[in-house]
Amino acid sequence: MTEMDLGKIEKAVTMILEAIGEDPEREGLLETPKRVAKMYAEVFEGLNIDPKHYFETVFHENHNEVVLVKDIPFHSMCEHHLVPFYGHAHIAYIPRDGVVAGLSKLARAVETTAKRPQLQERITSTVADVMMEMLNPVGVYVVIEAEHMCMTMRGIKKPGSKTVTTVARGIYEHDDVKRAEILSLIK
């Protein structure tokens, strides 16, 4: 585990403030470098957590049909611009031999994966791949919908536009009927 260097973050924020023509000694900015450093420690706390950890404990139930947790809110930071993106994740899987995970573990996997400089596409595939590896389900289907501030506040400036990414593993890769079932449940 690598510790975050909060002092280095504070120095960098001070340099950014100076570079944009601000006075870091101005009353409203005096504590800003320290606040930003503390915020980054929180926003990027997933850097040192492996989402596999959440699937080390499983339960054996007589359930071999779809499990879907939808509308899992998350936020992350675009690794290209270091501005937020946020939205909802929907995760479905079909247990194999009744092996199920605690429902909160799906949400925790999303949250941990999102709490690092990130791409939406990578969050989607990481969650699906971790679940496939740790639970060995019949299939996993992950859908993420998010609004990206790098498209809202800069560049194209299109607030309200959403990006949707999907990843299908196992049975969902080839079974159009199973995928359609999940999409209808999400809507």
C-alpha atoms as a PDB file:
ATOM      1  CA  MET A   1       0.000   0.000   0.000  1.00  0.00           C
ATOM      2  CA  THR A   2       1.267   3.398  -0.966  1.00  0.00           C
ATOM      3  CA  GLU A   3       0.446   6.258   1.364  1.00  0.00           C
ATOM      4  CA  MET A   4      -0.717   9.469  -0.231  1.00  0.00           C
ATOM      5  CA  ASP A   5       1.668  12.352   0.184  1.00  0.00           C
ATOM      6  CA  LEU A   6      -0.741  15.038   1.392  1.00  0.00           C
ATOM      7  CA  GLY A   7       2.035  17.615   1.717  1.00  0.00           C
ATOM      8  CA  LYS A   8       2.984  17.127  -1.914  1.00  0.00           C
ATOM      9  CA  ILE A   9      -0.653  17.541  -2.969  1.00  0.00           C
ATOM     10  CA  GLU A  10      -0.858  20.769  -0.933  1.00  0.00           C
ATOM     11  CA  LYS A  11       2.261  22.123  -2.647  1.00  0.00           C
ATOM     12  CA  ALA A  12       0.886  21.196  -6.066  1.00  0.00           C
ATOM     13  CA  VAL A  13      -2.456  22.907  -5.394  1.00  0.00           C
ATOM     14  CA  THR A  14      -0.615  26.015  -4.209  1.00  0.00           C
ATOM     15  CA  MET A  15       1.369  25.973  -7.452  1.00  0.00           C
ATOM     16  CA  ILE A  16      -1.826  25.610  -9.504  1.00  0.00           C
ATOM     17  CA  LEU A  17      -3.398  28.567  -7.701  1.00  0.00           C
ATOM     18  CA  GLU A  18      -0.301  30.649  -8.404  1.00  0.00           C
ATOM     19  CA  ALA A  19      -0.175  29.470 -12.038  1.00  0.00           C
ATOM     20  CA  ILE A  20      -3.744  30.595 -12.736  1.00  0.00           C
ATOM     21  CA  GLY A  21      -2.953  34.026 -11.283  1.00  0.00           C
ATOM     22  CA  GLU A  22      -4.544  33.615  -7.844  1.00  0.00           C
ATOM     23  CA  ASP A  23      -3.029  34.581  -4.529  1.00  0.00           C
ATOM     24  CA  PRO A  24      -2.806  31.461  -2.332  1.00  0.00           C
ATOM     25  CA  GLU A  25      -2.436  33.811   0.664  1.00  0.00           C
ATOM     26  CA  ARG A  26      -5.860  35.341   0.027  1.00  0.00           C
ATOM     27  CA  GLU A  27      -8.232  34.641   2.948  1.00  0.00           C
ATOM     28  CA  GLY A  28     -10.594  32.383   0.998  1.00  0.00           C
ATOM     29  CA  LEU A  29      -7.710  30.301  -0.365  1.00  0.00           C
ATOM     30  CA  LEU A  30      -5.513  29.958   2.737  1.00  0.00           C
ATOM     31  CA  GLU A  31      -6.776  26.478   3.628  1.00  0.00           C
ATOM     32  CA  THR A  32      -7.664  25.379   0.084  1.00  0.00           C
ATOM     33  CA  PRO A  33      -4.500  23.314  -0.528  1.00  0.00           C
ATOM     34  CA  LYS A  34      -5.065  21.410   2.727  1.00  0.00           C
ATOM     35  CA  ARG A  35      -8.776  20.878   1.937  1.00  0.00           C
ATOM     36  CA  VAL A  36      -8.000  19.640  -1.575  1.00  0.00           C
ATOM     37  CA  ALA A  37      -5.378  17.231  -0.231  1.00  0.00           C
ATOM     38  CA  LYS A  38      -7.867  15.798   2.275  1.00  0.00           C
ATOM     39  CA  MET A  39     -10.502  15.550  -0.464  1.00  0.00           C
ATOM     40  CA  TYR A  40      -8.095  13.709  -2.788  1.00  0.00           C
ATOM     41  CA  ALA A  41      -7.257  11.249  -0.019  1.00  0.00           C
ATOM     42  CA  GLU A  42     -10.971  10.459   0.244  1.00  0.00           C
ATOM     43  CA  VAL A  43     -11.821  10.557  -3.477  1.00  0.00           C
ATOM     44  CA  PHE A  44      -8.888   8.310  -4.414  1.00  0.00           C
ATOM     45  CA  GLU A  45      -9.002   5.902  -1.451  1.00  0.00           C
ATOM     46  CA  GLY A  46      -9.771   3.018  -3.849  1.00  0.00           C
ATOM     47  CA  LEU A  47      -6.198   3.099  -5.154  1.00  0.00           C
ATOM     48  CA  ASN A  48      -5.073   0.812  -2.345  1.00  0.00           C
ATOM     49  CA  ILE A  49      -8.085  -1.516  -2.173  1.00  0.00           C
ATOM     50  CA  ASP A  50      -8.516  -4.573  -4.378  1.00  0.00           C
ATOM     51  CA  PRO A  51     -12.218  -5.066  -5.217  1.00  0.00           C
ATOM     52  CA  LYS A  52     -11.631  -8.844  -5.162  1.00  0.00           C
ATOM     53  CA  HIS A  53     -11.553  -8.530  -1.386  1.00  0.00           C
ATOM     54  CA  TYR A  54     -15.337  -8.049  -1.296  1.00  0.00           C
ATOM     55  CA  PHE A  55     -15.964 -11.449  -2.862  1.00  0.00           C
ATOM     56  CA  GLU A  56     -13.761 -13.524  -0.572  1.00  0.00           C
ATOM     57  CA  THR A  57     -16.815 -14.403   1.549  1.00  0.00           C
ATOM     58  CA  VAL A  58     -19.652 -16.067  -0.323  1.00  0.00           C
ATOM     59  CA  PHE A  59     -22.867 -17.814   0.643  1.00  0.00           C
ATOM     60  CA  HIS A  60     -24.388 -21.004  -0.654  1.00  0.00           C
ATOM     61  CA  GLU A  61     -28.067 -20.650  -1.431  1.00  0.00           C
ATOM     62  CA  ASN A  62     -30.412 -22.671  -3.555  1.00  0.00           C
ATOM     63  CA  HIS A  63     -30.610 -19.820  -6.073  1.00  0.00           C
ATOM     64  CA  ASN A  64     -29.444 -20.149  -9.661  1.00  0.00           C
ATOM     65  CA  GLU A  65     -31.419 -17.369 -11.325  1.00  0.00           C
ATOM     66  CA  VAL A  66     -30.671 -13.698 -11.922  1.00  0.00           C
ATOM     67  CA  VAL A  67     -29.466 -11.481  -9.098  1.00  0.00           C
ATOM     68  CA  LEU A  68     -29.646  -7.801 -10.043  1.00  0.00           C
ATOM     69  CA  VAL A  69     -28.607  -4.789  -8.009  1.00  0.00           C
ATOM     70  CA  LYS A  70     -29.507  -1.640  -9.910  1.00  0.00           C
ATOM     71  CA  ASP A  71     -29.191   2.098  -9.496  1.00  0.00           C
ATOM     72  CA  ILE A  72     -25.961   1.901  -7.476  1.00  0.00           C
ATOM     73  CA  PRO A  73     -24.830   5.544  -7.260  1.00  0.00           C
ATOM     74  CA  PHE A  74     -21.138   6.244  -7.696  1.00  0.00           C
ATOM     75  CA  HIS A  75     -18.733   9.063  -8.480  1.00  0.00           C
ATOM     76  CA  SER A  76     -15.253   8.966  -9.898  1.00  0.00           C
ATOM     77  CA  MET A  77     -12.597  11.233 -11.369  1.00  0.00           C
ATOM     78  CA  CYS A  78     -11.799  11.227 -15.063  1.00  0.00           C
ATOM     79  CA  GLU A  79      -8.142  10.315 -15.372  1.00  0.00           C
ATOM     80  CA  HIS A  80      -7.768  12.534 -18.438  1.00  0.00           C
ATOM     81  CA  HIS A  81      -8.903  15.804 -16.828  1.00  0.00           C
ATOM     82  CA  LEU A  82      -9.199  15.066 -13.091  1.00  0.00           C
ATOM     83  CA  VAL A  83     -12.791  16.269 -13.019  1.00  0.00           C
ATOM     84  CA  PRO A  84     -15.701  14.211 -11.693  1.00  0.00           C
ATOM     85  CA  PHE A  85     -18.061  11.908 -13.455  1.00  0.00           C
ATOM     86  CA  TYR A  86     -20.974  10.343 -11.688  1.00  0.00           C
ATOM     87  CA  GLY A  87     -23.938   8.105 -12.302  1.00  0.00           C
ATOM     88  CA  HIS A  88     -25.412   4.701 -11.579  1.00  0.00           C
ATOM     89  CA  ALA A  89     -24.211   1.150 -12.004  1.00  0.00           C
ATOM     90  CA  HIS A  90     -26.417  -1.873 -12.572  1.00  0.00           C
ATOM     91  CA  ILE A  91     -24.949  -5.330 -11.930  1.00  0.00           C
ATOM     92  CA  ALA A  92     -26.577  -8.642 -12.761  1.00  0.00           C
ATOM     93  CA  TYR A  93     -25.221 -12.126 -12.393  1.00  0.00           C
ATOM     94  CA  ILE A  94     -26.450 -15.689 -12.496  1.00  0.00           C
ATOM     95  CA  PRO A  95     -24.937 -17.728  -9.650  1.00  0.00           C
ATOM     96  CA  ARG A  96     -23.334 -21.076 -10.413  1.00  0.00           C
ATOM     97  CA  ASP A  97     -24.188 -23.867  -7.974  1.00  0.00           C
ATOM     98  CA  GLY A  98     -25.921 -21.375  -5.665  1.00  0.00           C
ATOM     99  CA  VAL A  99     -22.760 -19.369  -4.869  1.00  0.00           C
ATOM    100  CA  VAL A 100     -23.914 -15.822  -4.087  1.00  0.00           C
ATOM    101  CA  ALA A 101     -22.232 -12.707  -2.733  1.00  0.00           C
ATOM    102  CA  GLY A 102     -23.688 -10.317  -0.192  1.00  0.00           C
ATOM    103  CA  LEU A 103     -25.633  -7.669  -2.106  1.00  0.00           C
ATOM    104  CA  SER A 104     -23.667  -4.798  -0.575  1.00  0.00           C
ATOM    105  CA  LYS A 105     -20.478  -6.329  -1.946  1.00  0.00           C
ATOM    106  CA  LEU A 106     -21.551  -5.484  -5.491  1.00  0.00           C
ATOM    107  CA  ALA A 107     -21.992  -1.843  -4.519  1.00  0.00           C
ATOM    108  CA  ARG A 108     -18.686  -1.861  -2.636  1.00  0.00           C
ATOM    109  CA  ALA A 109     -16.875  -3.245  -5.684  1.00  0.00           C
ATOM    110  CA  VAL A 110     -18.246  -0.388  -7.799  1.00  0.00           C
ATOM    111  CA  GLU A 111     -17.367   2.232  -5.191  1.00  0.00           C
ATOM    112  CA  THR A 112     -13.822   0.971  -4.650  1.00  0.00           C
ATOM    113  CA  THR A 113     -13.126   0.645  -8.357  1.00  0.00           C
ATOM    114  CA  ALA A 114     -14.475   4.154  -8.972  1.00  0.00           C
ATOM    115  CA  LYS A 115     -12.372   5.769  -6.231  1.00  0.00           C
ATOM    116  CA  ARG A 116      -9.242   6.207  -8.312  1.00  0.00           C
ATOM    117  CA  PRO A 117      -8.336   8.187 -11.407  1.00  0.00           C
ATOM    118  CA  GLN A 118     -10.497   6.238 -13.785  1.00  0.00           C
ATOM    119  CA  LEU A 119     -12.323   5.654 -17.036  1.00  0.00           C
ATOM    120  CA  GLN A 120     -15.958   4.575 -17.083  1.00  0.00           C
ATOM    121  CA  GLU A 121     -15.101   1.741 -19.456  1.00  0.00           C
ATOM    122  CA  ARG A 122     -12.519   0.394 -16.997  1.00  0.00           C
ATOM    123  CA  ILE A 123     -14.925   0.492 -14.039  1.00  0.00           C
ATOM    124  CA  THR A 124     -17.438  -1.525 -16.077  1.00  0.00           C
ATOM    125  CA  SER A 125     -14.972  -4.208 -17.133  1.00  0.00           C
ATOM    126  CA  THR A 126     -13.133  -4.376 -13.794  1.00  0.00           C
ATOM    127  CA  VAL A 127     -16.322  -5.078 -11.834  1.00  0.00           C
ATOM    128  CA  ALA A 128     -17.420  -7.749 -14.334  1.00  0.00           C
ATOM    129  CA  ASP A 129     -13.993  -9.413 -14.453  1.00  0.00           C
ATOM    130  CA  VAL A 130     -13.581  -9.463 -10.667  1.00  0.00           C
ATOM    131  CA  MET A 131     -17.014 -11.055 -10.243  1.00  0.00           C
ATOM    132  CA  MET A 132     -16.263 -13.671 -12.910  1.00  0.00           C
ATOM    133  CA  GLU A 133     -12.966 -14.551 -11.247  1.00  0.00           C
ATOM    134  CA  MET A 134     -14.157 -14.605  -7.653  1.00  0.00           C
ATOM    135  CA  LEU A 135     -17.716 -15.983  -7.962  1.00  0.00           C
ATOM    136  CA  ASN A 136     -17.406 -18.113 -11.112  1.00  0.00           C
ATOM    137  CA  PRO A 137     -21.017 -17.309 -12.055  1.00  0.00           C
ATOM    138  CA  VAL A 138     -22.823 -18.503 -15.166  1.00  0.00           C
ATOM    139  CA  GLY A 139     -22.637 -14.899 -16.361  1.00  0.00           C
ATOM    140  CA  VAL A 140     -22.227 -11.258 -15.354  1.00  0.00           C
ATOM    141  CA  TYR A 141     -23.717  -8.192 -17.019  1.00  0.00           C
ATOM    142  CA  VAL A 142     -22.675  -4.703 -15.907  1.00  0.00           C
ATOM    143  CA  VAL A 143     -24.229  -1.472 -17.180  1.00  0.00           C
ATOM    144  CA  ILE A 144     -22.966   1.946 -16.121  1.00  0.00           C
ATOM    145  CA  GLU A 145     -24.625   5.261 -16.984  1.00  0.00           C
ATOM    146  CA  ALA A 146     -22.730   8.424 -16.100  1.00  0.00           C
ATOM    147  CA  GLU A 147     -22.478  12.139 -16.735  1.00  0.00           C
ATOM    148  CA  HIS A 148     -18.942  13.400 -17.278  1.00  0.00           C
ATOM    149  CA  MET A 149     -17.969  16.883 -16.157  1.00  0.00           C
ATOM    150  CA  CYS A 150     -15.209  16.853 -18.800  1.00  0.00           C
ATOM    151  CA  MET A 151     -18.062  17.011 -21.341  1.00  0.00           C
ATOM    152  CA  THR A 152     -20.233  19.358 -19.285  1.00  0.00           C
ATOM    153  CA  MET A 153     -17.938  22.110 -18.035  1.00  0.00           C
ATOM    154  CA  ARG A 154     -15.238  22.101 -20.717  1.00  0.00           C
ATOM    155  CA  GLY A 155     -14.740  21.004 -24.293  1.00  0.00           C
ATOM    156  CA  ILE A 156     -18.067  20.253 -25.978  1.00  0.00           C
ATOM    157  CA  LYS A 157     -20.063  21.677 -23.004  1.00  0.00           C
ATOM    158  CA  LYS A 158     -23.096  19.403 -23.249  1.00  0.00           C
ATOM    159  CA  PRO A 159     -24.660  19.112 -19.771  1.00  0.00           C
ATOM    160  CA  GLY A 160     -27.103  16.284 -19.318  1.00  0.00           C
ATOM    161  CA  SER A 161     -25.477  13.979 -21.852  1.00  0.00           C
ATOM    162  CA  LYS A 162     -24.916  10.492 -20.475  1.00  0.00           C
ATOM    163  CA  THR A 163     -22.403   7.834 -21.401  1.00  0.00           C
ATOM    164  CA  VAL A 164     -23.527   4.204 -21.164  1.00  0.00           C
ATOM    165  CA  THR A 165     -21.049   1.342 -21.022  1.00  0.00           C
ATOM    166  CA  THR A 166     -21.838  -2.347 -20.822  1.00  0.00           C
ATOM    167  CA  VAL A 167     -19.831  -5.483 -20.264  1.00  0.00           C
ATOM    168  CA  ALA A 168     -21.178  -8.981 -20.801  1.00  0.00           C
ATOM    169  CA  ARG A 169     -19.348 -12.040 -19.500  1.00  0.00           C
ATOM    170  CA  GLY A 170     -20.260 -15.708 -19.558  1.00  0.00           C
ATOM    171  CA  ILE A 171     -23.735 -16.542 -20.833  1.00  0.00           C
ATOM    172  CA  TYR A 172     -24.520 -12.854 -21.404  1.00  0.00           C
ATOM    173  CA  GLU A 173     -21.858 -12.625 -24.123  1.00  0.00           C
ATOM    174  CA  HIS A 174     -23.886 -14.743 -26.550  1.00  0.00           C
ATOM    175  CA  ASP A 175     -27.432 -14.980 -25.224  1.00  0.00           C
ATOM    176  CA  ASP A 176     -29.465 -12.059 -26.583  1.00  0.00           C
ATOM    177  CA  VAL A 177     -32.560 -13.142 -24.641  1.00  0.00           C
ATOM    178  CA  LYS A 178     -30.717 -13.118 -21.301  1.00  0.00           C
ATOM    179  CA  ARG A 179     -29.225  -9.673 -22.063  1.00  0.00           C
ATOM    180  CA  ALA A 180     -32.643  -8.324 -23.053  1.00  0.00           C
ATOM    181  CA  GLU A 181     -34.084  -9.643 -19.766  1.00  0.00           C
ATOM    182  CA  ILE A 182     -31.533  -7.680 -17.748  1.00  0.00           C
ATOM    183  CA  LEU A 183     -32.051  -4.507 -19.772  1.00  0.00           C
ATOM    184  CA  SER A 184     -35.821  -4.725 -19.269  1.00  0.00           C
ATOM    185  CA  LEU A 185     -35.329  -5.189 -15.508  1.00  0.00           C
ATOM    186  CA  ILE A 186     -33.011  -2.175 -15.357  1.00  0.00           C
ATOM    187  CA  LYS A 187     -35.578   0.054 -17.122  1.00  0.00           C
END
